[in-house]
């Protein structure tokens, strides 16, 4: 299993659904105005402990959302967290992403001697639109997926 014989490390499984014990930092990419969903599986011996999502450097003041008990959905502003004990997984969502959301985060499990943390690097990119035939670019901010088919016929989409 991914946690090794001691079950001592929290592993992150991000959007692609991969998990690597050797990987020290996981990368997650998303777009301005969208959302990112991150799945943090954990071993059975972490079911009944508090779990949280924090921003670097991950001091107490940097905790963005925290679950004290299993099978609990917690929402705080644009951040939400669900601790699913049956699936042994902590699910984190960040909604309405901005460029300021880019950076280093941690998926954490509280332990009395020292919390277990896994680094997650969140990249947020702009999506620009150019009308065919010229014009000035504009940034897509909302409803990107819903209007994607319509946009394909009217614009050239460039992701930076």
N, C-alpha and C. Protein backbone atom coordinates (compact mmCIF):
# COMPACT_ATOMS: atom_id res chain seq x y z
N UNK A 1 0.82 -1.21 0.00
CA UNK A 1 0.00 0.00 0.00
C UNK A 1 0.86 1.26 0.00
N UNK A 2 0.26 2.39 -0.38
CA UNK A 2 1.01 3.63 -0.54
C UNK A 2 1.59 4.15 0.74
N UNK A 3 0.99 3.86 1.90
CA UNK A 3 1.47 4.46 3.13
C UNK A 3 2.62 3.70 3.77
N UNK A 4 2.99 2.56 3.22
CA UNK A 4 4.10 1.80 3.77
C UNK A 4 3.68 1.05 5.03
N UNK A 5 4.60 0.38 5.64
CA UNK A 5 4.25 -0.47 6.77
C UNK A 5 3.82 0.27 8.02
N UNK A 6 4.18 1.55 8.18
CA UNK A 6 3.84 2.26 9.41
C UNK A 6 2.56 3.08 9.30
N UNK A 7 1.99 3.20 8.12
CA UNK A 7 0.77 4.01 7.91
C UNK A 7 0.96 5.44 8.41
N UNK A 8 2.14 5.99 8.28
CA UNK A 8 2.43 7.26 8.94
C UNK A 8 2.37 8.49 8.06
N UNK A 9 2.12 8.34 6.74
CA UNK A 9 2.17 9.52 5.88
C UNK A 9 0.86 9.70 5.14
N UNK A 10 0.37 10.93 5.12
CA UNK A 10 -0.82 11.25 4.35
C UNK A 10 -0.44 11.44 2.90
N UNK A 11 -1.17 10.82 2.01
CA UNK A 11 -0.89 10.94 0.58
C UNK A 11 -2.00 11.74 -0.07
N UNK A 12 -1.67 12.49 -1.08
CA UNK A 12 -2.66 13.28 -1.79
C UNK A 12 -2.94 12.67 -3.14
N UNK A 13 -4.19 12.58 -3.46
CA UNK A 13 -4.58 12.09 -4.78
C UNK A 13 -5.35 13.23 -5.43
N UNK A 14 -4.70 13.93 -6.35
CA UNK A 14 -5.32 15.09 -6.97
C UNK A 14 -6.01 14.69 -8.26
N UNK A 15 -6.57 15.63 -8.94
CA UNK A 15 -7.51 15.46 -10.03
C UNK A 15 -7.21 14.29 -10.97
N UNK A 16 -5.98 14.01 -11.27
CA UNK A 16 -5.66 12.93 -12.21
C UNK A 16 -5.88 11.56 -11.59
N UNK A 17 -6.04 11.48 -10.28
CA UNK A 17 -6.29 10.21 -9.64
C UNK A 17 -5.03 9.38 -9.42
N UNK A 18 -3.90 10.01 -9.33
CA UNK A 18 -2.66 9.27 -9.12
C UNK A 18 -2.12 9.57 -7.73
N UNK A 19 -1.38 8.64 -7.22
CA UNK A 19 -0.78 8.82 -5.91
C UNK A 19 0.60 8.21 -5.93
N UNK A 20 1.57 8.96 -5.48
CA UNK A 20 2.93 8.44 -5.49
C UNK A 20 3.59 8.70 -4.15
N UNK A 21 4.08 7.65 -3.53
CA UNK A 21 4.74 7.80 -2.25
C UNK A 21 6.02 8.61 -2.39
N UNK A 22 6.65 8.56 -3.53
CA UNK A 22 7.89 9.29 -3.76
C UNK A 22 7.64 10.78 -4.01
N UNK A 23 6.45 11.12 -4.45
CA UNK A 23 6.14 12.50 -4.79
C UNK A 23 6.04 13.35 -3.53
N UNK A 24 6.85 14.40 -3.46
CA UNK A 24 6.83 15.28 -2.31
C UNK A 24 5.82 16.41 -2.47
N UNK A 25 5.59 16.86 -3.69
CA UNK A 25 4.65 17.94 -3.96
C UNK A 25 3.72 17.51 -5.08
N UNK A 26 2.42 17.67 -4.85
CA UNK A 26 1.44 17.38 -5.90
C UNK A 26 1.06 18.68 -6.58
N UNK A 27 0.81 18.61 -7.88
CA UNK A 27 0.43 19.78 -8.67
C UNK A 27 -1.03 19.67 -9.07
N UNK A 28 -1.76 20.77 -8.92
CA UNK A 28 -3.15 20.85 -9.35
C UNK A 28 -3.29 22.12 -10.17
N UNK A 29 -3.89 22.02 -11.36
CA UNK A 29 -4.07 23.19 -12.23
C UNK A 29 -5.55 23.48 -12.43
N UNK A 30 -5.88 24.78 -12.43
CA UNK A 30 -7.26 25.20 -12.64
C UNK A 30 -7.25 26.59 -13.28
N UNK A 31 -8.44 27.13 -13.54
CA UNK A 31 -8.57 28.39 -14.25
C UNK A 31 -9.34 29.42 -13.44
N UNK A 32 -9.03 30.69 -13.66
CA UNK A 32 -9.71 31.80 -12.99
C UNK A 32 -11.21 31.64 -13.17
N UNK A 33 -11.95 31.78 -12.07
CA UNK A 33 -13.40 31.68 -12.10
C UNK A 33 -13.92 30.27 -11.92
N UNK A 34 -13.06 29.28 -12.05
CA UNK A 34 -13.49 27.89 -11.92
C UNK A 34 -13.32 27.38 -10.50
N UNK A 35 -13.25 26.06 -10.39
CA UNK A 35 -13.03 25.46 -9.08
C UNK A 35 -12.04 24.31 -9.22
N UNK A 36 -11.46 23.93 -8.11
CA UNK A 36 -10.54 22.80 -8.08
C UNK A 36 -11.01 21.85 -6.99
N UNK A 37 -10.98 20.55 -7.29
CA UNK A 37 -11.35 19.51 -6.34
C UNK A 37 -10.13 18.65 -6.08
N UNK A 38 -9.82 18.45 -4.82
CA UNK A 38 -8.64 17.70 -4.43
C UNK A 38 -9.07 16.58 -3.50
N UNK A 39 -8.58 15.38 -3.74
CA UNK A 39 -8.93 14.22 -2.93
C UNK A 39 -7.69 13.78 -2.16
N UNK A 40 -7.80 13.69 -0.85
CA UNK A 40 -6.68 13.29 0.01
C UNK A 40 -7.04 12.00 0.73
N UNK A 41 -6.70 10.84 0.19
CA UNK A 41 -6.99 9.59 0.89
C UNK A 41 -6.09 9.43 2.11
N UNK A 42 -6.59 8.69 3.09
CA UNK A 42 -5.80 8.45 4.30
C UNK A 42 -6.02 7.03 4.80
N UNK A 43 -5.08 6.48 5.55
CA UNK A 43 -5.22 5.13 6.08
C UNK A 43 -6.27 5.05 7.20
N UNK A 44 -6.73 3.85 7.50
CA UNK A 44 -7.80 3.62 8.47
C UNK A 44 -7.49 4.17 9.86
N UNK A 45 -6.24 4.18 10.26
CA UNK A 45 -5.93 4.67 11.61
C UNK A 45 -6.06 6.19 11.74
N UNK A 46 -6.40 6.90 10.66
CA UNK A 46 -6.63 8.35 10.71
C UNK A 46 -8.11 8.71 10.60
N UNK A 47 -9.01 7.73 10.66
CA UNK A 47 -10.43 8.01 10.46
C UNK A 47 -10.98 8.99 11.49
N UNK A 48 -10.66 8.81 12.75
CA UNK A 48 -11.29 9.59 13.82
C UNK A 48 -10.43 10.74 14.34
N UNK A 49 -9.63 11.33 13.47
CA UNK A 49 -8.84 12.50 13.87
C UNK A 49 -9.20 13.68 12.98
N UNK A 50 -8.95 14.88 13.47
CA UNK A 50 -9.26 16.10 12.72
C UNK A 50 -8.39 16.20 11.47
N UNK A 51 -9.01 16.72 10.41
CA UNK A 51 -8.29 16.94 9.15
C UNK A 51 -8.57 18.36 8.68
N UNK A 52 -7.63 18.92 7.90
CA UNK A 52 -7.79 20.32 7.52
C UNK A 52 -7.06 20.63 6.22
N UNK A 53 -7.35 21.81 5.67
CA UNK A 53 -6.74 22.36 4.47
C UNK A 53 -6.19 23.72 4.85
N UNK A 54 -4.90 23.94 4.59
CA UNK A 54 -4.29 25.21 4.98
C UNK A 54 -3.36 25.73 3.89
N UNK A 55 -3.08 27.01 3.99
CA UNK A 55 -2.16 27.66 3.06
C UNK A 55 -0.78 27.77 3.71
N UNK A 56 0.25 27.69 2.89
CA UNK A 56 1.62 27.81 3.37
C UNK A 56 1.80 29.13 4.11
N UNK A 57 2.39 29.16 5.30
CA UNK A 57 3.22 28.14 5.93
C UNK A 57 2.47 27.17 6.83
N UNK A 58 1.16 27.22 6.86
CA UNK A 58 0.30 26.27 7.57
C UNK A 58 0.42 26.36 9.08
N UNK A 59 0.47 27.58 9.60
CA UNK A 59 0.34 27.79 11.04
C UNK A 59 -1.15 27.79 11.37
N UNK A 60 -1.50 27.89 12.64
CA UNK A 60 -2.92 27.86 13.03
C UNK A 60 -3.75 28.91 12.29
N UNK A 61 -3.20 30.10 12.10
CA UNK A 61 -3.92 31.18 11.42
C UNK A 61 -4.09 30.92 9.92
N UNK A 62 -3.35 29.97 9.36
CA UNK A 62 -3.40 29.68 7.93
C UNK A 62 -4.40 28.59 7.57
N UNK A 63 -5.05 27.97 8.56
CA UNK A 63 -6.03 26.91 8.30
C UNK A 63 -7.27 27.55 7.68
N UNK A 64 -7.63 27.08 6.49
CA UNK A 64 -8.75 27.66 5.74
C UNK A 64 -10.07 26.96 6.04
N UNK A 65 -10.01 25.65 6.26
CA UNK A 65 -11.21 24.88 6.60
C UNK A 65 -10.75 23.62 7.32
N UNK A 66 -11.55 23.20 8.33
CA UNK A 66 -11.13 22.08 9.18
C UNK A 66 -12.34 21.25 9.58
N UNK A 67 -12.15 19.93 9.61
CA UNK A 67 -13.18 19.00 10.05
C UNK A 67 -12.69 18.32 11.33
N UNK A 68 -13.46 18.44 12.40
CA UNK A 68 -13.09 17.82 13.68
C UNK A 68 -13.54 16.37 13.76
N UNK A 69 -14.58 16.01 12.99
CA UNK A 69 -15.13 14.65 13.06
C UNK A 69 -15.30 14.07 11.66
N UNK A 70 -15.36 12.76 11.59
CA UNK A 70 -15.54 12.07 10.31
C UNK A 70 -16.95 12.28 9.77
N UNK A 71 -17.12 12.05 8.47
CA UNK A 71 -18.41 12.13 7.78
C UNK A 71 -19.08 13.48 7.99
N UNK A 72 -18.28 14.52 7.90
CA UNK A 72 -18.76 15.88 8.10
C UNK A 72 -18.40 16.74 6.91
N UNK A 73 -19.39 17.54 6.45
CA UNK A 73 -19.16 18.52 5.39
C UNK A 73 -19.02 19.88 6.05
N UNK A 74 -17.93 20.58 5.77
CA UNK A 74 -17.67 21.90 6.33
C UNK A 74 -17.44 22.87 5.17
N UNK A 75 -18.11 24.02 5.23
CA UNK A 75 -17.92 25.04 4.21
C UNK A 75 -17.58 26.36 4.90
N UNK A 76 -16.55 27.02 4.37
CA UNK A 76 -16.13 28.31 4.92
C UNK A 76 -15.76 29.20 3.74
N UNK A 77 -16.66 30.08 3.37
CA UNK A 77 -16.43 30.93 2.21
C UNK A 77 -16.33 30.12 0.94
N UNK A 78 -15.26 30.28 0.19
CA UNK A 78 -15.07 29.56 -1.07
C UNK A 78 -14.44 28.19 -0.88
N UNK A 79 -14.12 27.83 0.37
CA UNK A 79 -13.46 26.57 0.66
C UNK A 79 -14.43 25.60 1.32
N UNK A 80 -14.40 24.35 0.89
CA UNK A 80 -15.21 23.33 1.55
C UNK A 80 -14.39 22.05 1.69
N UNK A 81 -14.85 21.23 2.63
CA UNK A 81 -14.12 20.02 2.97
C UNK A 81 -15.12 18.95 3.39
N UNK A 82 -14.92 17.73 2.94
CA UNK A 82 -15.76 16.61 3.38
C UNK A 82 -14.85 15.46 3.76
N UNK A 83 -15.00 14.97 4.99
CA UNK A 83 -14.22 13.84 5.49
C UNK A 83 -15.08 12.59 5.40
N UNK A 84 -14.82 11.76 4.40
CA UNK A 84 -15.59 10.54 4.14
C UNK A 84 -14.86 9.35 4.78
N UNK A 85 -15.36 8.89 5.93
CA UNK A 85 -14.67 7.81 6.65
C UNK A 85 -14.80 6.47 5.93
N UNK A 86 -15.92 6.21 5.25
CA UNK A 86 -16.07 4.95 4.51
C UNK A 86 -15.05 4.84 3.39
N UNK A 87 -14.84 5.93 2.68
CA UNK A 87 -13.87 5.95 1.59
C UNK A 87 -12.48 6.34 2.06
N UNK A 88 -12.35 6.65 3.35
CA UNK A 88 -11.08 7.09 3.93
C UNK A 88 -10.43 8.17 3.06
N UNK A 89 -11.21 9.24 2.85
CA UNK A 89 -10.74 10.28 1.95
C UNK A 89 -11.24 11.65 2.41
N UNK A 90 -10.36 12.62 2.34
CA UNK A 90 -10.70 14.01 2.62
C UNK A 90 -10.81 14.73 1.28
N UNK A 91 -11.98 15.28 0.99
CA UNK A 91 -12.20 15.99 -0.27
C UNK A 91 -12.24 17.49 0.00
N UNK A 92 -11.42 18.23 -0.73
CA UNK A 92 -11.32 19.68 -0.57
C UNK A 92 -11.73 20.34 -1.89
N UNK A 93 -12.52 21.41 -1.80
CA UNK A 93 -12.92 22.17 -2.99
C UNK A 93 -12.64 23.65 -2.75
N UNK A 94 -12.06 24.29 -3.76
CA UNK A 94 -11.90 25.75 -3.76
C UNK A 94 -12.72 26.25 -4.94
N UNK A 95 -13.69 27.14 -4.68
CA UNK A 95 -14.57 27.67 -5.72
C UNK A 95 -14.17 29.09 -6.10
N UNK A 96 -14.65 29.53 -7.25
CA UNK A 96 -14.45 30.90 -7.74
C UNK A 96 -12.98 31.32 -7.63
N UNK A 97 -12.13 30.53 -8.24
CA UNK A 97 -10.68 30.75 -8.15
C UNK A 97 -10.26 32.11 -8.71
N UNK A 98 -9.28 32.70 -8.04
CA UNK A 98 -8.64 33.93 -8.52
C UNK A 98 -7.14 33.65 -8.64
N UNK A 99 -6.43 34.56 -9.26
CA UNK A 99 -4.98 34.39 -9.38
C UNK A 99 -4.30 34.37 -8.00
N UNK A 100 -4.90 35.04 -7.02
CA UNK A 100 -4.34 35.06 -5.67
C UNK A 100 -4.43 33.69 -4.99
N UNK A 101 -5.27 32.80 -5.50
CA UNK A 101 -5.38 31.46 -4.92
C UNK A 101 -4.20 30.57 -5.29
N UNK A 102 -3.42 30.96 -6.29
CA UNK A 102 -2.26 30.16 -6.68
C UNK A 102 -1.25 30.14 -5.55
N UNK A 103 -0.64 28.98 -5.35
CA UNK A 103 0.39 28.88 -4.32
C UNK A 103 0.43 27.51 -3.68
N UNK A 104 1.16 27.43 -2.57
CA UNK A 104 1.36 26.17 -1.87
C UNK A 104 0.32 26.02 -0.75
N UNK A 105 -0.28 24.84 -0.69
CA UNK A 105 -1.25 24.48 0.33
C UNK A 105 -0.83 23.16 0.96
N UNK A 106 -1.54 22.78 2.02
CA UNK A 106 -1.30 21.50 2.67
C UNK A 106 -2.62 20.83 3.01
N UNK A 107 -2.65 19.54 2.80
CA UNK A 107 -3.73 18.69 3.26
C UNK A 107 -3.19 18.08 4.55
N UNK A 108 -3.87 18.29 5.68
CA UNK A 108 -3.28 17.89 6.95
C UNK A 108 -4.15 16.99 7.80
N UNK A 109 -3.49 16.19 8.63
CA UNK A 109 -4.12 15.33 9.62
C UNK A 109 -3.50 15.68 10.97
N UNK A 110 -4.36 15.99 11.95
CA UNK A 110 -3.85 16.33 13.28
C UNK A 110 -3.36 15.09 14.01
N UNK A 111 -2.17 15.18 14.52
CA UNK A 111 -1.60 14.13 15.36
C UNK A 111 -1.02 14.81 16.60
N UNK A 112 -1.12 14.17 17.74
CA UNK A 112 -0.71 14.85 18.98
C UNK A 112 0.77 15.17 19.03
N UNK A 113 1.61 14.37 18.41
CA UNK A 113 3.05 14.67 18.45
C UNK A 113 3.45 15.60 17.32
N UNK A 114 2.90 15.42 16.13
CA UNK A 114 3.20 16.31 15.02
C UNK A 114 2.21 16.01 13.90
N UNK A 115 1.59 17.06 13.37
CA UNK A 115 0.63 16.88 12.28
C UNK A 115 1.30 16.30 11.05
N UNK A 116 0.54 15.51 10.30
CA UNK A 116 1.02 14.95 9.04
C UNK A 116 0.53 15.85 7.92
N UNK A 117 1.43 16.33 7.09
CA UNK A 117 1.09 17.27 6.02
C UNK A 117 1.56 16.74 4.67
N UNK A 118 0.81 17.09 3.62
CA UNK A 118 1.21 16.79 2.25
C UNK A 118 1.07 18.08 1.46
N UNK A 119 2.15 18.49 0.79
CA UNK A 119 2.15 19.72 0.00
C UNK A 119 1.34 19.55 -1.27
N UNK A 120 0.60 20.61 -1.60
CA UNK A 120 -0.16 20.67 -2.84
C UNK A 120 0.09 22.04 -3.47
N UNK A 121 0.64 22.05 -4.67
CA UNK A 121 0.87 23.31 -5.37
C UNK A 121 -0.31 23.55 -6.31
N UNK A 122 -1.06 24.63 -6.05
CA UNK A 122 -2.22 24.98 -6.86
C UNK A 122 -1.79 26.05 -7.85
N UNK A 123 -1.98 25.76 -9.14
CA UNK A 123 -1.71 26.73 -10.20
C UNK A 123 -3.04 27.23 -10.74
N UNK A 124 -3.18 28.54 -10.86
CA UNK A 124 -4.39 29.14 -11.41
C UNK A 124 -3.99 29.95 -12.63
N UNK A 125 -4.64 29.68 -13.74
CA UNK A 125 -4.30 30.35 -15.00
C UNK A 125 -5.49 31.13 -15.53
N UNK A 126 -5.16 32.17 -16.31
CA UNK A 126 -6.19 32.94 -17.02
C UNK A 126 -6.48 32.26 -18.34
N UNK A 127 -7.68 32.45 -18.83
CA UNK A 127 -8.06 32.00 -20.16
C UNK A 127 -8.46 33.25 -20.94
N UNK A 128 -7.77 33.50 -22.06
CA UNK A 128 -8.04 34.68 -22.88
C UNK A 128 -8.84 34.29 -24.12
N UNK A 129 -9.67 35.23 -24.57
CA UNK A 129 -10.44 35.05 -25.79
C UNK A 129 -10.09 36.14 -26.79
N UNK A 130 -9.89 35.74 -28.03
CA UNK A 130 -9.73 36.70 -29.12
C UNK A 130 -10.81 36.42 -30.15
N UNK A 131 -11.51 37.46 -30.55
CA UNK A 131 -12.49 37.28 -31.63
C UNK A 131 -11.74 37.09 -32.93
N UNK A 132 -12.24 36.20 -33.76
CA UNK A 132 -11.61 35.99 -35.05
C UNK A 132 -11.71 37.28 -35.85
N UNK A 133 -10.61 37.67 -36.47
CA UNK A 133 -10.60 38.90 -37.24
C UNK A 133 -10.06 40.08 -36.45
N UNK A 134 -9.59 39.87 -35.24
CA UNK A 134 -8.98 40.96 -34.48
C UNK A 134 -9.76 41.31 -33.24
N UNK A 135 -9.39 42.45 -32.66
CA UNK A 135 -10.03 42.89 -31.43
C UNK A 135 -9.10 42.71 -30.24
N UNK A 136 -9.54 43.19 -29.11
CA UNK A 136 -8.73 43.07 -27.90
C UNK A 136 -9.13 41.82 -27.13
N UNK A 137 -8.15 41.22 -26.45
CA UNK A 137 -8.47 40.00 -25.71
C UNK A 137 -9.30 40.29 -24.47
N UNK A 138 -10.08 39.34 -24.05
CA UNK A 138 -10.81 39.44 -22.79
C UNK A 138 -10.58 38.15 -22.01
N UNK A 139 -10.75 38.24 -20.71
CA UNK A 139 -10.52 37.08 -19.85
C UNK A 139 -11.85 36.43 -19.52
N UNK A 140 -11.92 35.10 -19.67
CA UNK A 140 -13.11 34.37 -19.24
C UNK A 140 -13.07 34.30 -17.73
N UNK A 141 -14.15 34.69 -17.09
CA UNK A 141 -14.17 34.66 -15.63
C UNK A 141 -15.19 33.67 -15.07
N UNK A 142 -16.32 33.50 -15.71
CA UNK A 142 -17.37 32.66 -15.15
C UNK A 142 -17.98 31.76 -16.22
N UNK A 143 -18.56 30.68 -15.79
CA UNK A 143 -19.32 29.76 -16.65
C UNK A 143 -18.54 29.28 -17.86
N UNK A 144 -17.24 29.06 -17.70
CA UNK A 144 -16.40 28.66 -18.82
C UNK A 144 -16.88 27.36 -19.45
N UNK A 145 -17.13 26.35 -18.65
CA UNK A 145 -17.51 25.05 -19.19
C UNK A 145 -18.88 25.12 -19.86
N UNK A 146 -19.83 25.79 -19.24
CA UNK A 146 -21.18 25.85 -19.76
C UNK A 146 -21.23 26.49 -21.15
N UNK A 147 -20.42 27.50 -21.37
CA UNK A 147 -20.46 28.24 -22.63
C UNK A 147 -19.35 27.83 -23.59
N UNK A 148 -18.61 26.79 -23.28
CA UNK A 148 -17.45 26.41 -24.08
C UNK A 148 -17.83 26.10 -25.52
N UNK A 149 -18.89 25.31 -25.75
CA UNK A 149 -19.28 24.95 -27.12
C UNK A 149 -19.62 26.21 -27.92
N UNK A 150 -20.35 27.13 -27.31
CA UNK A 150 -20.72 28.36 -27.98
C UNK A 150 -19.48 29.18 -28.32
N UNK A 151 -18.55 29.27 -27.40
CA UNK A 151 -17.35 30.07 -27.61
C UNK A 151 -16.48 29.53 -28.73
N UNK A 152 -16.44 28.22 -28.89
CA UNK A 152 -15.60 27.63 -29.93
C UNK A 152 -15.95 28.14 -31.32
N UNK A 153 -17.20 28.43 -31.54
CA UNK A 153 -17.63 28.88 -32.86
C UNK A 153 -17.38 30.36 -33.10
N UNK A 154 -17.16 31.13 -32.05
CA UNK A 154 -17.03 32.57 -32.22
C UNK A 154 -15.64 33.11 -31.90
N UNK A 155 -14.82 32.34 -31.23
CA UNK A 155 -13.56 32.88 -30.75
C UNK A 155 -12.43 31.87 -30.87
N UNK A 156 -11.24 32.39 -30.69
CA UNK A 156 -10.06 31.54 -30.54
C UNK A 156 -9.69 31.59 -29.07
N UNK A 157 -9.57 30.44 -28.43
CA UNK A 157 -9.29 30.39 -27.00
C UNK A 157 -7.81 30.09 -26.80
N UNK A 158 -7.16 30.91 -26.00
CA UNK A 158 -5.75 30.71 -25.70
C UNK A 158 -5.61 30.59 -24.19
N UNK A 159 -5.04 29.50 -23.73
CA UNK A 159 -4.83 29.27 -22.31
C UNK A 159 -3.37 29.57 -22.01
N UNK A 160 -3.17 30.46 -21.03
CA UNK A 160 -1.81 30.86 -20.68
C UNK A 160 -1.49 30.37 -19.29
